[in-house]
């Protein structure tokens, strides 16, 4: 992590790690992509696809998961691609390489924590509906702000099959609220609230 403390706040990034990752996986000279995932991407098992090196795929996924500690923007697609680690195909590797191409153009993206912000907690959640083509489970995503600073986020496939969009959204909202309650207690324990 690179942590830059300046008079009006703190900036945390992993630009050095991004560049090391691009070099490690032979993508340092790649063309940049504007987004980490295509809007037409529909990953599935691709049983008829050509298999790729399992250990390389897992290595890239592991490296990208480490990067999500400061990069909310790639969290969803990395977790989506991680579902196919057991038997990755060329289509999965193509999606993973697109994430690396996106990182090529966004190595300096990070987290900004301004000085003197309020300590009010705000949470946001969203969900798709039956987005996983394999089991029709939905995926939740949440993020939490302390004042204007992003402090927590996650994306996860839901444990059960939602029967409606409302149910999928409710499951995501419940997860978001549980995190907010935990964070409120932490602030109370530190006597900041």
C-alpha atoms as a PDB file:
ATOM      1  CA  UNK A   1       0.000   0.000   0.000  1.00  0.00           C
ATOM      2  CA  UNK A   2       1.139   3.515  -0.719  1.00  0.00           C
ATOM      3  CA  UNK A   3      -0.141   5.915   1.931  1.00  0.00           C
ATOM      4  CA  UNK A   4       0.222   9.607   1.227  1.00  0.00           C
ATOM      5  CA  UNK A   5      -0.551  11.942   4.139  1.00  0.00           C
ATOM      6  CA  UNK A   6      -1.096  15.554   3.185  1.00  0.00           C
ATOM      7  CA  UNK A   7      -2.524  18.517   5.055  1.00  0.00           C
ATOM      8  CA  UNK A   8      -6.160  17.939   4.023  1.00  0.00           C
ATOM      9  CA  UNK A   9      -6.308  14.137   4.230  1.00  0.00           C
ATOM     10  CA  UNK A  10      -4.852  10.733   3.445  1.00  0.00           C
ATOM     11  CA  UNK A  11      -4.694   8.985   0.055  1.00  0.00           C
ATOM     12  CA  UNK A  12      -4.244   5.205  -0.050  1.00  0.00           C
ATOM     13  CA  UNK A  13      -3.427   3.425  -3.291  1.00  0.00           C
ATOM     14  CA  UNK A  14      -1.718   0.340  -4.648  1.00  0.00           C
ATOM     15  CA  UNK A  15      -0.273   1.764  -7.868  1.00  0.00           C
ATOM     16  CA  UNK A  16       3.089   0.069  -7.303  1.00  0.00           C
ATOM     17  CA  UNK A  17       1.351  -3.286  -6.807  1.00  0.00           C
ATOM     18  CA  UNK A  18      -0.782  -2.712  -9.940  1.00  0.00           C
ATOM     19  CA  UNK A  19       2.348  -2.207 -12.033  1.00  0.00           C
ATOM     20  CA  UNK A  20       4.023  -5.261 -10.475  1.00  0.00           C
ATOM     21  CA  UNK A  21       0.918  -7.304 -11.257  1.00  0.00           C
ATOM     22  CA  UNK A  22       0.918  -6.185 -14.900  1.00  0.00           C
ATOM     23  CA  UNK A  23       4.598  -7.127 -15.207  1.00  0.00           C
ATOM     24  CA  UNK A  24       4.151 -10.463 -13.416  1.00  0.00           C
ATOM     25  CA  UNK A  25       1.430 -11.596 -15.802  1.00  0.00           C
ATOM     26  CA  UNK A  26       2.991 -10.162 -18.986  1.00  0.00           C
ATOM     27  CA  UNK A  27       0.438  -7.381 -19.440  1.00  0.00           C
ATOM     28  CA  UNK A  28       2.705  -4.331 -19.021  1.00  0.00           C
ATOM     29  CA  UNK A  29       2.457  -3.491 -22.740  1.00  0.00           C
ATOM     30  CA  UNK A  30      -1.266  -4.171 -23.102  1.00  0.00           C
ATOM     31  CA  UNK A  31      -3.818  -1.750 -24.483  1.00  0.00           C
ATOM     32  CA  UNK A  32      -5.937  -0.119 -21.758  1.00  0.00           C
ATOM     33  CA  UNK A  33      -9.640  -0.880 -21.328  1.00  0.00           C
ATOM     34  CA  UNK A  34     -12.111   1.729 -20.061  1.00  0.00           C
ATOM     35  CA  UNK A  35     -14.096  -0.692 -17.881  1.00  0.00           C
ATOM     36  CA  UNK A  36     -13.179  -3.851 -15.944  1.00  0.00           C
ATOM     37  CA  UNK A  37     -16.022  -5.871 -17.500  1.00  0.00           C
ATOM     38  CA  UNK A  38     -17.938  -5.737 -20.748  1.00  0.00           C
ATOM     39  CA  UNK A  39     -21.623  -4.874 -20.487  1.00  0.00           C
ATOM     40  CA  UNK A  40     -22.315  -7.928 -22.667  1.00  0.00           C
ATOM     41  CA  UNK A  41     -20.281 -10.318 -20.492  1.00  0.00           C
ATOM     42  CA  UNK A  42     -22.207 -13.448 -19.485  1.00  0.00           C
ATOM     43  CA  UNK A  43     -19.745 -15.792 -17.827  1.00  0.00           C
ATOM     44  CA  UNK A  44     -20.807 -19.387 -17.291  1.00  0.00           C
ATOM     45  CA  UNK A  45     -19.038 -22.750 -16.952  1.00  0.00           C
ATOM     46  CA  UNK A  46     -18.255 -22.774 -20.699  1.00  0.00           C
ATOM     47  CA  UNK A  47     -18.019 -26.582 -20.666  1.00  0.00           C
ATOM     48  CA  UNK A  48     -17.082 -26.739 -24.359  1.00  0.00           C
ATOM     49  CA  UNK A  49     -14.429 -24.034 -24.009  1.00  0.00           C
ATOM     50  CA  UNK A  50     -10.683 -24.590 -24.153  1.00  0.00           C
ATOM     51  CA  UNK A  51      -9.107 -25.096 -20.727  1.00  0.00           C
ATOM     52  CA  UNK A  52      -6.346 -22.730 -19.559  1.00  0.00           C
ATOM     53  CA  UNK A  53      -3.570 -23.090 -16.989  1.00  0.00           C
ATOM     54  CA  UNK A  54      -5.413 -23.493 -13.698  1.00  0.00           C
ATOM     55  CA  UNK A  55      -2.525 -22.319 -11.506  1.00  0.00           C
ATOM     56  CA  UNK A  56      -1.964 -19.160 -13.578  1.00  0.00           C
ATOM     57  CA  UNK A  57      -5.681 -18.328 -13.434  1.00  0.00           C
ATOM     58  CA  UNK A  58      -5.770 -18.850  -9.669  1.00  0.00           C
ATOM     59  CA  UNK A  59      -2.618 -16.747  -9.309  1.00  0.00           C
ATOM     60  CA  UNK A  60      -4.175 -13.828 -11.171  1.00  0.00           C
ATOM     61  CA  UNK A  61      -7.426 -14.116  -9.182  1.00  0.00           C
ATOM     62  CA  UNK A  62      -5.534 -14.219  -5.878  1.00  0.00           C
ATOM     63  CA  UNK A  63      -3.499 -11.162  -6.843  1.00  0.00           C
ATOM     64  CA  UNK A  64      -6.628  -9.280  -7.889  1.00  0.00           C
ATOM     65  CA  UNK A  65      -8.446 -10.219  -4.673  1.00  0.00           C
ATOM     66  CA  UNK A  66      -5.554  -8.700  -2.715  1.00  0.00           C
ATOM     67  CA  UNK A  67      -5.926  -5.532  -4.790  1.00  0.00           C
ATOM     68  CA  UNK A  68      -9.622  -5.218  -3.879  1.00  0.00           C
ATOM     69  CA  UNK A  69      -8.501  -4.035  -0.428  1.00  0.00           C
ATOM     70  CA  UNK A  70      -8.262  -0.562  -1.966  1.00  0.00           C
ATOM     71  CA  UNK A  71     -10.112  -0.964  -5.278  1.00  0.00           C
ATOM     72  CA  UNK A  72     -13.896  -1.147  -4.963  1.00  0.00           C
ATOM     73  CA  UNK A  73     -14.161  -0.643  -8.730  1.00  0.00           C
ATOM     74  CA  UNK A  74     -12.941  -4.177  -9.514  1.00  0.00           C
ATOM     75  CA  UNK A  75     -14.568  -6.043  -6.620  1.00  0.00           C
ATOM     76  CA  UNK A  76     -17.641  -7.336  -8.473  1.00  0.00           C
ATOM     77  CA  UNK A  77     -15.866  -8.636 -11.564  1.00  0.00           C
ATOM     78  CA  UNK A  78     -12.996 -10.208  -9.609  1.00  0.00           C
ATOM     79  CA  UNK A  79     -15.477 -12.082  -7.395  1.00  0.00           C
ATOM     80  CA  UNK A  80     -17.424 -13.122 -10.496  1.00  0.00           C
ATOM     81  CA  UNK A  81     -14.293 -14.499 -12.185  1.00  0.00           C
ATOM     82  CA  UNK A  82     -13.229 -16.221  -8.953  1.00  0.00           C
ATOM     83  CA  UNK A  83     -16.263 -18.513  -9.261  1.00  0.00           C
ATOM     84  CA  UNK A  84     -14.555 -20.324 -12.157  1.00  0.00           C
ATOM     85  CA  UNK A  85     -11.201 -21.161 -10.546  1.00  0.00           C
ATOM     86  CA  UNK A  86     -11.855 -24.893 -10.454  1.00  0.00           C
ATOM     87  CA  UNK A  87     -11.924 -25.315 -14.232  1.00  0.00           C
ATOM     88  CA  UNK A  88     -11.104 -22.026 -16.020  1.00  0.00           C
ATOM     89  CA  UNK A  89     -11.567 -21.706 -19.768  1.00  0.00           C
ATOM     90  CA  UNK A  90     -10.307 -19.198 -22.340  1.00  0.00           C
ATOM     91  CA  UNK A  91     -13.482 -17.118 -21.906  1.00  0.00           C
ATOM     92  CA  UNK A  92     -12.733 -16.750 -18.182  1.00  0.00           C
ATOM     93  CA  UNK A  93      -9.087 -15.854 -18.830  1.00  0.00           C
ATOM     94  CA  UNK A  94     -10.233 -13.249 -21.365  1.00  0.00           C
ATOM     95  CA  UNK A  95     -12.378 -11.618 -18.663  1.00  0.00           C
ATOM     96  CA  UNK A  96      -9.513 -11.691 -16.156  1.00  0.00           C
ATOM     97  CA  UNK A  97      -7.154 -10.116 -18.706  1.00  0.00           C
ATOM     98  CA  UNK A  98      -9.711  -7.386 -19.315  1.00  0.00           C
ATOM     99  CA  UNK A  99      -9.487  -6.511 -15.606  1.00  0.00           C
ATOM    100  CA  UNK A 100      -5.706  -6.232 -15.984  1.00  0.00           C
ATOM    101  CA  UNK A 101      -6.161  -4.001 -19.062  1.00  0.00           C
ATOM    102  CA  UNK A 102      -8.493  -1.807 -17.019  1.00  0.00           C
ATOM    103  CA  UNK A 103      -5.901  -1.601 -14.230  1.00  0.00           C
ATOM    104  CA  UNK A 104      -3.293  -0.496 -16.775  1.00  0.00           C
ATOM    105  CA  UNK A 105      -5.204   2.768 -17.231  1.00  0.00           C
ATOM    106  CA  UNK A 106      -6.227   3.228 -13.600  1.00  0.00           C
ATOM    107  CA  UNK A 107      -3.115   2.413 -11.560  1.00  0.00           C
ATOM    108  CA  UNK A 108      -3.417   5.674  -9.609  1.00  0.00           C
ATOM    109  CA  UNK A 109      -6.988   5.078  -8.394  1.00  0.00           C
ATOM    110  CA  UNK A 110      -7.251   4.756  -4.633  1.00  0.00           C
ATOM    111  CA  UNK A 111      -9.096   5.762  -1.490  1.00  0.00           C
ATOM    112  CA  UNK A 112      -9.279   9.369  -0.281  1.00  0.00           C
ATOM    113  CA  UNK A 113      -9.913  10.112   3.384  1.00  0.00           C
ATOM    114  CA  UNK A 114     -10.371  13.858   3.867  1.00  0.00           C
ATOM    115  CA  UNK A 115      -9.539  15.471   7.174  1.00  0.00           C
ATOM    116  CA  UNK A 116     -12.334  16.638   9.478  1.00  0.00           C
ATOM    117  CA  UNK A 117     -15.306  14.846   7.920  1.00  0.00           C
ATOM    118  CA  UNK A 118     -18.378  13.984   9.948  1.00  0.00           C
ATOM    119  CA  UNK A 119     -18.649  10.538  11.478  1.00  0.00           C
ATOM    120  CA  UNK A 120     -22.118   9.819  10.131  1.00  0.00           C
ATOM    121  CA  UNK A 121     -22.521   6.333   8.694  1.00  0.00           C
ATOM    122  CA  UNK A 122     -24.242   5.845   5.365  1.00  0.00           C
ATOM    123  CA  UNK A 123     -24.755   2.516   3.618  1.00  0.00           C
ATOM    124  CA  UNK A 124     -25.789   1.643   0.087  1.00  0.00           C
ATOM    125  CA  UNK A 125     -26.802  -1.714  -1.312  1.00  0.00           C
ATOM    126  CA  UNK A 126     -27.832  -3.161  -4.632  1.00  0.00           C
ATOM    127  CA  UNK A 127     -28.553  -6.551  -6.088  1.00  0.00           C
ATOM    128  CA  UNK A 128     -29.084  -8.140  -9.436  1.00  0.00           C
ATOM    129  CA  UNK A 129     -31.850 -10.696  -9.781  1.00  0.00           C
ATOM    130  CA  UNK A 130     -31.002 -14.318 -10.612  1.00  0.00           C
ATOM    131  CA  UNK A 131     -27.800 -13.102 -12.256  1.00  0.00           C
ATOM    132  CA  UNK A 132     -25.850 -16.347 -11.932  1.00  0.00           C
ATOM    133  CA  UNK A 133     -26.737 -18.457 -14.949  1.00  0.00           C
ATOM    134  CA  UNK A 134     -25.622 -21.644 -13.186  1.00  0.00           C
ATOM    135  CA  UNK A 135     -27.891 -21.613 -10.129  1.00  0.00           C
ATOM    136  CA  UNK A 136     -30.009 -18.449 -10.649  1.00  0.00           C
ATOM    137  CA  UNK A 137     -28.782 -16.932  -7.383  1.00  0.00           C
ATOM    138  CA  UNK A 138     -28.514 -13.166  -7.123  1.00  0.00           C
ATOM    139  CA  UNK A 139     -25.418 -11.152  -6.249  1.00  0.00           C
ATOM    140  CA  UNK A 140     -25.443  -8.436  -3.575  1.00  0.00           C
ATOM    141  CA  UNK A 141     -23.136  -5.476  -3.349  1.00  0.00           C
ATOM    142  CA  UNK A 142     -22.839  -2.980  -0.503  1.00  0.00           C
ATOM    143  CA  UNK A 143     -20.633  -0.085   0.438  1.00  0.00           C
ATOM    144  CA  UNK A 144     -20.433   2.107   3.508  1.00  0.00           C
ATOM    145  CA  UNK A 145     -19.281   5.665   4.031  1.00  0.00           C
ATOM    146  CA  UNK A 146     -18.090   7.351   7.196  1.00  0.00           C
ATOM    147  CA  UNK A 147     -18.896  10.936   6.331  1.00  0.00           C
ATOM    148  CA  UNK A 148     -17.700  11.146   2.729  1.00  0.00           C
ATOM    149  CA  UNK A 149     -15.004   8.479   3.115  1.00  0.00           C
ATOM    150  CA  UNK A 150     -15.485   4.954   1.807  1.00  0.00           C
ATOM    151  CA  UNK A 151     -14.647   2.573   4.653  1.00  0.00           C
ATOM    152  CA  UNK A 152     -16.273  -0.775   3.842  1.00  0.00           C
ATOM    153  CA  UNK A 153     -17.531  -2.676   0.812  1.00  0.00           C
ATOM    154  CA  UNK A 154     -18.294  -6.179  -0.349  1.00  0.00           C
ATOM    155  CA  UNK A 155     -19.923  -8.186  -3.078  1.00  0.00           C
ATOM    156  CA  UNK A 156     -21.240 -11.690  -2.601  1.00  0.00           C
ATOM    157  CA  UNK A 157     -23.453 -14.255  -4.257  1.00  0.00           C
ATOM    158  CA  UNK A 158     -26.552 -14.684  -2.108  1.00  0.00           C
ATOM    159  CA  UNK A 159     -26.905 -17.968  -0.209  1.00  0.00           C
ATOM    160  CA  UNK A 160     -30.439 -18.685  -1.396  1.00  0.00           C
ATOM    161  CA  UNK A 161     -32.391 -18.251  -4.613  1.00  0.00           C
ATOM    162  CA  UNK A 162     -34.497 -15.089  -4.387  1.00  0.00           C
ATOM    163  CA  UNK A 163     -38.033 -15.481  -5.708  1.00  0.00           C
ATOM    164  CA  UNK A 164     -38.371 -11.835  -6.763  1.00  0.00           C
ATOM    165  CA  UNK A 165     -36.299  -8.723  -7.344  1.00  0.00           C
ATOM    166  CA  UNK A 166     -37.729  -7.321  -4.112  1.00  0.00           C
ATOM    167  CA  UNK A 167     -36.458 -10.330  -2.157  1.00  0.00           C
ATOM    168  CA  UNK A 168     -32.986 -10.058  -3.737  1.00  0.00           C
ATOM    169  CA  UNK A 169     -32.855  -6.356  -2.840  1.00  0.00           C
ATOM    170  CA  UNK A 170     -34.086  -7.113   0.694  1.00  0.00           C
ATOM    171  CA  UNK A 171     -31.279  -9.649   1.209  1.00  0.00           C
ATOM    172  CA  UNK A 172     -28.713  -7.070   0.054  1.00  0.00           C
ATOM    173  CA  UNK A 173     -30.235  -4.393   2.304  1.00  0.00           C
ATOM    174  CA  UNK A 174     -30.181  -6.728   5.312  1.00  0.00           C
ATOM    175  CA  UNK A 175     -26.474  -7.348   4.783  1.00  0.00           C
ATOM    176  CA  UNK A 176     -25.834  -3.610   4.474  1.00  0.00           C
ATOM    177  CA  UNK A 177     -27.761  -2.845   7.675  1.00  0.00           C
ATOM    178  CA  UNK A 178     -25.937  -5.572   9.619  1.00  0.00           C
ATOM    179  CA  UNK A 179     -22.614  -3.983   8.655  1.00  0.00           C
ATOM    180  CA  UNK A 180     -23.869  -0.506   9.634  1.00  0.00           C
ATOM    181  CA  UNK A 181     -24.961  -1.790  13.064  1.00  0.00           C
ATOM    182  CA  UNK A 182     -21.558  -3.406  13.614  1.00  0.00           C
ATOM    183  CA  UNK A 183     -19.744  -0.227  12.549  1.00  0.00           C
ATOM    184  CA  UNK A 184     -21.936   1.905  14.846  1.00  0.00           C
ATOM    185  CA  UNK A 185     -20.982  -0.331  17.755  1.00  0.00           C
ATOM    186  CA  UNK A 186     -17.299   0.016  16.850  1.00  0.00           C
ATOM    187  CA  UNK A 187     -17.631   3.810  16.858  1.00  0.00           C
ATOM    188  CA  UNK A 188     -19.352   3.648  20.264  1.00  0.00           C
ATOM    189  CA  UNK A 189     -16.619   1.369  21.631  1.00  0.00           C
ATOM    190  CA  UNK A 190     -13.994   3.885  20.485  1.00  0.00           C
ATOM    191  CA  UNK A 191     -16.083   6.688  22.011  1.00  0.00           C
ATOM    192  CA  UNK A 192     -16.382   8.432  18.650  1.00  0.00           C
ATOM    193  CA  UNK A 193     -20.150   8.340  18.558  1.00  0.00           C
END
